[in-house]
């Protein structure tokens, strides 16, 4: 099993959820208003008031086949406003 972590502009959350549903994701977790610092920028809660928005974090536990379906759909979404996707191994307890 894999764990897919997506961190991206909250503006794109609906597009990401639509992609997950389209590709057959059976479940996911969403955290909104994610703040922090990346290599090229700072995302703070103040950005919500400037209209730039904060980030969202989506976590999906799935198999490789779902990740392969999602990759071509998510790449343009993550590249538009900026975002990252990381895949790691996940072992149930």
N, C-alpha and C. Protein backbone atom coordinates (compact mmCIF):
# COMPACT_ATOMS: atom_id res chain seq x y z
N UNK A 1 0.85 -1.17 0.00
CA UNK A 1 0.00 0.00 0.00
C UNK A 1 0.89 1.24 0.00
N UNK A 2 0.42 2.29 -0.63
CA UNK A 2 1.14 3.55 -0.71
C UNK A 2 0.37 4.64 0.03
N UNK A 3 1.10 5.66 0.43
CA UNK A 3 0.51 6.87 0.99
C UNK A 3 0.87 8.00 0.03
N UNK A 4 -0.13 8.70 -0.46
CA UNK A 4 0.06 9.84 -1.34
C UNK A 4 -0.30 11.09 -0.58
N UNK A 5 0.67 11.99 -0.41
CA UNK A 5 0.46 13.29 0.24
C UNK A 5 0.47 14.37 -0.82
N UNK A 6 -0.57 15.17 -0.87
CA UNK A 6 -0.67 16.29 -1.80
C UNK A 6 -0.78 17.57 -1.00
N UNK A 7 0.06 18.55 -1.30
CA UNK A 7 -0.03 19.88 -0.69
C UNK A 7 -0.08 20.87 -1.83
N UNK A 8 -1.13 21.69 -1.87
CA UNK A 8 -1.38 22.55 -3.02
C UNK A 8 -2.27 23.71 -2.59
N UNK A 9 -2.44 24.68 -3.49
CA UNK A 9 -3.29 25.82 -3.21
C UNK A 9 -4.72 25.37 -2.95
N UNK A 10 -5.30 25.90 -1.89
CA UNK A 10 -6.67 25.54 -1.55
C UNK A 10 -7.65 25.86 -2.68
N UNK A 11 -7.28 26.79 -3.55
CA UNK A 11 -8.13 27.12 -4.70
C UNK A 11 -8.38 25.91 -5.58
N UNK A 12 -7.45 24.98 -5.57
CA UNK A 12 -7.53 23.80 -6.44
C UNK A 12 -8.17 22.59 -5.75
N UNK A 13 -8.65 22.76 -4.53
CA UNK A 13 -9.17 21.61 -3.78
C UNK A 13 -10.29 20.89 -4.52
N UNK A 14 -11.24 21.62 -5.04
CA UNK A 14 -12.36 20.97 -5.73
C UNK A 14 -11.87 20.19 -6.95
N UNK A 15 -10.92 20.75 -7.69
CA UNK A 15 -10.37 20.05 -8.86
C UNK A 15 -9.67 18.76 -8.45
N UNK A 16 -8.95 18.81 -7.33
CA UNK A 16 -8.26 17.61 -6.84
C UNK A 16 -9.27 16.56 -6.41
N UNK A 17 -10.30 16.96 -5.70
CA UNK A 17 -11.33 16.01 -5.25
C UNK A 17 -12.03 15.37 -6.45
N UNK A 18 -12.33 16.17 -7.47
CA UNK A 18 -12.96 15.63 -8.68
C UNK A 18 -12.03 14.60 -9.32
N UNK A 19 -10.74 14.88 -9.38
CA UNK A 19 -9.76 13.94 -9.95
C UNK A 19 -9.74 12.64 -9.14
N UNK A 20 -9.75 12.76 -7.81
CA UNK A 20 -9.73 11.56 -6.96
C UNK A 20 -10.95 10.70 -7.21
N UNK A 21 -12.11 11.34 -7.27
CA UNK A 21 -13.35 10.60 -7.50
C UNK A 21 -13.35 9.95 -8.88
N UNK A 22 -12.91 10.69 -9.89
CA UNK A 22 -12.87 10.20 -11.27
C UNK A 22 -11.99 8.97 -11.40
N UNK A 23 -10.88 8.96 -10.66
CA UNK A 23 -9.93 7.85 -10.74
C UNK A 23 -10.28 6.68 -9.83
N UNK A 24 -11.31 6.84 -9.01
CA UNK A 24 -11.76 5.72 -8.18
C UNK A 24 -11.21 5.66 -6.78
N UNK A 25 -10.73 6.78 -6.24
CA UNK A 25 -10.25 6.78 -4.85
C UNK A 25 -11.42 6.44 -3.93
N UNK A 26 -11.20 5.48 -3.05
CA UNK A 26 -12.28 5.07 -2.15
C UNK A 26 -12.34 5.89 -0.87
N UNK A 27 -11.30 6.67 -0.62
CA UNK A 27 -11.27 7.52 0.57
C UNK A 27 -10.06 8.41 0.57
N UNK A 28 -10.15 9.49 1.31
CA UNK A 28 -9.05 10.45 1.44
C UNK A 28 -9.34 11.35 2.62
N UNK A 29 -8.30 12.00 3.12
CA UNK A 29 -8.44 12.96 4.22
C UNK A 29 -7.99 14.32 3.72
N UNK A 30 -8.70 15.38 4.15
CA UNK A 30 -8.40 16.74 3.71
C UNK A 30 -8.18 17.62 4.93
N UNK A 31 -7.10 18.37 4.91
CA UNK A 31 -6.85 19.41 5.91
C UNK A 31 -6.76 20.72 5.15
N UNK A 32 -7.58 21.69 5.54
CA UNK A 32 -7.57 23.00 4.90
C UNK A 32 -6.76 23.98 5.73
N UNK A 33 -6.43 25.10 5.12
CA UNK A 33 -5.72 26.20 5.78
C UNK A 33 -4.35 25.77 6.28
N UNK A 34 -3.64 25.03 5.44
CA UNK A 34 -2.29 24.57 5.78
C UNK A 34 -1.31 25.71 5.51
N UNK A 35 -0.49 26.01 6.47
CA UNK A 35 0.51 27.07 6.32
C UNK A 35 1.90 26.49 6.49
N UNK A 36 2.89 27.24 6.06
CA UNK A 36 4.27 26.78 6.21
C UNK A 36 5.19 27.49 5.25
N UNK A 37 6.36 26.92 5.07
CA UNK A 37 7.35 27.53 4.20
C UNK A 37 7.89 26.46 3.27
N UNK A 38 7.96 26.79 1.99
CA UNK A 38 8.56 25.92 1.00
C UNK A 38 9.87 26.51 0.55
N UNK A 39 10.52 25.86 -0.42
CA UNK A 39 11.83 26.36 -0.88
C UNK A 39 11.75 27.74 -1.54
N UNK A 40 10.59 28.10 -2.08
CA UNK A 40 10.48 29.35 -2.82
C UNK A 40 9.50 30.35 -2.24
N UNK A 41 8.76 29.97 -1.20
CA UNK A 41 7.73 30.89 -0.71
C UNK A 41 7.31 30.55 0.71
N UNK A 42 6.61 31.50 1.29
CA UNK A 42 6.04 31.37 2.63
C UNK A 42 4.53 31.42 2.48
N UNK A 43 3.81 30.50 3.10
CA UNK A 43 2.35 30.49 3.09
C UNK A 43 1.91 30.71 4.52
N UNK A 44 1.21 31.83 4.76
CA UNK A 44 0.77 32.15 6.11
C UNK A 44 -0.74 32.34 6.14
N UNK A 45 -1.31 32.34 7.33
CA UNK A 45 -2.75 32.55 7.48
C UNK A 45 -3.16 33.91 6.97
N UNK A 46 -2.27 34.90 7.00
CA UNK A 46 -2.58 36.24 6.50
C UNK A 46 -2.91 36.22 5.01
N UNK A 47 -2.41 35.23 4.29
CA UNK A 47 -2.64 35.18 2.86
C UNK A 47 -4.11 34.94 2.53
N UNK A 48 -4.84 34.35 3.47
CA UNK A 48 -6.26 34.11 3.26
C UNK A 48 -7.00 35.44 3.05
N UNK A 49 -6.54 36.48 3.71
CA UNK A 49 -7.19 37.78 3.62
C UNK A 49 -6.72 38.60 2.43
N UNK A 50 -5.61 38.21 1.84
CA UNK A 50 -5.10 38.94 0.67
C UNK A 50 -5.69 38.41 -0.62
N UNK A 51 -6.45 37.32 -0.54
CA UNK A 51 -7.01 36.72 -1.74
C UNK A 51 -6.12 35.66 -2.36
N UNK A 52 -4.90 35.49 -1.84
CA UNK A 52 -4.00 34.48 -2.38
C UNK A 52 -4.34 33.09 -1.86
N UNK A 53 -4.94 33.02 -0.68
CA UNK A 53 -5.34 31.75 -0.11
C UNK A 53 -4.20 30.96 0.51
N UNK A 54 -4.56 29.98 1.27
CA UNK A 54 -3.59 29.10 1.91
C UNK A 54 -3.61 27.76 1.17
N UNK A 55 -2.94 26.79 1.73
CA UNK A 55 -2.83 25.48 1.09
C UNK A 55 -3.79 24.47 1.70
N UNK A 56 -3.96 23.38 0.99
CA UNK A 56 -4.69 22.22 1.49
C UNK A 56 -3.74 21.04 1.47
N UNK A 57 -4.00 20.07 2.34
CA UNK A 57 -3.21 18.83 2.40
C UNK A 57 -4.19 17.67 2.28
N UNK A 58 -3.99 16.85 1.27
CA UNK A 58 -4.83 15.67 1.06
C UNK A 58 -3.95 14.44 1.20
N UNK A 59 -4.45 13.48 1.97
CA UNK A 59 -3.75 12.21 2.18
C UNK A 59 -4.62 11.09 1.63
N UNK A 60 -4.02 10.23 0.82
CA UNK A 60 -4.73 9.10 0.24
C UNK A 60 -3.90 7.84 0.47
N UNK A 61 -4.53 6.78 0.95
CA UNK A 61 -3.90 5.47 1.06
C UNK A 61 -4.47 4.62 -0.07
N UNK A 62 -3.59 4.10 -0.92
CA UNK A 62 -4.07 3.41 -2.12
C UNK A 62 -2.99 2.49 -2.67
N UNK A 63 -3.30 1.84 -3.78
CA UNK A 63 -2.28 1.01 -4.44
C UNK A 63 -1.65 1.78 -5.60
N UNK A 64 -0.62 1.20 -6.18
CA UNK A 64 0.12 1.85 -7.27
C UNK A 64 -0.76 2.20 -8.46
N UNK A 65 -1.75 1.37 -8.75
CA UNK A 65 -2.57 1.61 -9.94
C UNK A 65 -3.34 2.92 -9.84
N UNK A 66 -3.81 3.28 -8.65
CA UNK A 66 -4.51 4.56 -8.50
C UNK A 66 -3.55 5.73 -8.69
N UNK A 67 -2.36 5.60 -8.16
CA UNK A 67 -1.36 6.67 -8.32
C UNK A 67 -1.04 6.88 -9.80
N UNK A 68 -0.92 5.80 -10.55
CA UNK A 68 -0.64 5.92 -11.99
C UNK A 68 -1.79 6.61 -12.73
N UNK A 69 -3.03 6.36 -12.32
CA UNK A 69 -4.18 7.03 -12.93
C UNK A 69 -4.22 8.51 -12.57
N UNK A 70 -3.85 8.83 -11.32
CA UNK A 70 -3.92 10.21 -10.83
C UNK A 70 -2.83 11.10 -11.39
N UNK A 71 -1.65 10.55 -11.60
CA UNK A 71 -0.49 11.37 -11.98
C UNK A 71 -0.75 12.30 -13.17
N UNK A 72 -1.25 11.82 -14.31
CA UNK A 72 -1.44 12.75 -15.44
C UNK A 72 -2.53 13.79 -15.20
N UNK A 73 -3.45 13.50 -14.31
CA UNK A 73 -4.52 14.47 -14.00
C UNK A 73 -4.04 15.50 -12.98
N UNK A 74 -3.28 15.04 -11.98
CA UNK A 74 -2.85 15.94 -10.91
C UNK A 74 -1.68 16.84 -11.30
N UNK A 75 -0.80 16.36 -12.16
CA UNK A 75 0.38 17.16 -12.54
C UNK A 75 0.01 18.58 -12.99
N UNK A 76 -0.93 18.77 -13.93
CA UNK A 76 -1.26 20.14 -14.34
C UNK A 76 -1.89 20.97 -13.22
N UNK A 77 -2.68 20.32 -12.37
CA UNK A 77 -3.32 21.03 -11.25
C UNK A 77 -2.25 21.53 -10.28
N UNK A 78 -1.31 20.66 -9.93
CA UNK A 78 -0.26 21.03 -8.97
C UNK A 78 0.69 22.06 -9.55
N UNK A 79 0.89 22.04 -10.85
CA UNK A 79 1.80 22.99 -11.49
C UNK A 79 1.19 24.37 -11.67
N UNK A 80 -0.13 24.49 -11.71
CA UNK A 80 -0.76 25.78 -12.02
C UNK A 80 -0.47 26.82 -10.93
N UNK A 81 -0.85 26.53 -9.69
CA UNK A 81 -0.57 27.45 -8.58
C UNK A 81 0.65 27.01 -7.78
N UNK A 82 1.16 25.85 -8.09
CA UNK A 82 2.26 25.29 -7.32
C UNK A 82 1.73 24.28 -6.32
N UNK A 83 2.41 23.21 -6.19
CA UNK A 83 2.01 22.18 -5.25
C UNK A 83 2.99 21.03 -5.33
N UNK A 84 2.87 20.11 -4.40
CA UNK A 84 3.76 18.96 -4.36
C UNK A 84 2.96 17.69 -4.11
N UNK A 85 3.51 16.60 -4.57
CA UNK A 85 2.93 15.28 -4.34
C UNK A 85 4.06 14.34 -3.94
N UNK A 86 3.87 13.60 -2.87
CA UNK A 86 4.88 12.65 -2.40
C UNK A 86 4.22 11.30 -2.17
N UNK A 87 4.90 10.26 -2.61
CA UNK A 87 4.44 8.89 -2.42
C UNK A 87 5.40 8.20 -1.47
N UNK A 88 4.84 7.51 -0.49
CA UNK A 88 5.66 6.73 0.43
C UNK A 88 4.99 5.38 0.70
N UNK A 89 5.76 4.47 1.23
CA UNK A 89 5.21 3.17 1.60
C UNK A 89 4.34 3.33 2.85
N UNK A 90 3.26 2.59 2.90
CA UNK A 90 2.37 2.61 4.07
C UNK A 90 2.07 1.17 4.46
N UNK A 91 2.33 0.83 5.70
CA UNK A 91 2.07 -0.49 6.19
C UNK A 91 1.02 -0.41 7.30
N UNK A 92 -0.14 -1.04 7.10
CA UNK A 92 -1.16 -1.04 8.16
C UNK A 92 -0.64 -1.71 9.42
N UNK A 93 -1.11 -1.27 10.57
CA UNK A 93 -0.70 -1.87 11.85
C UNK A 93 -1.24 -3.27 12.00
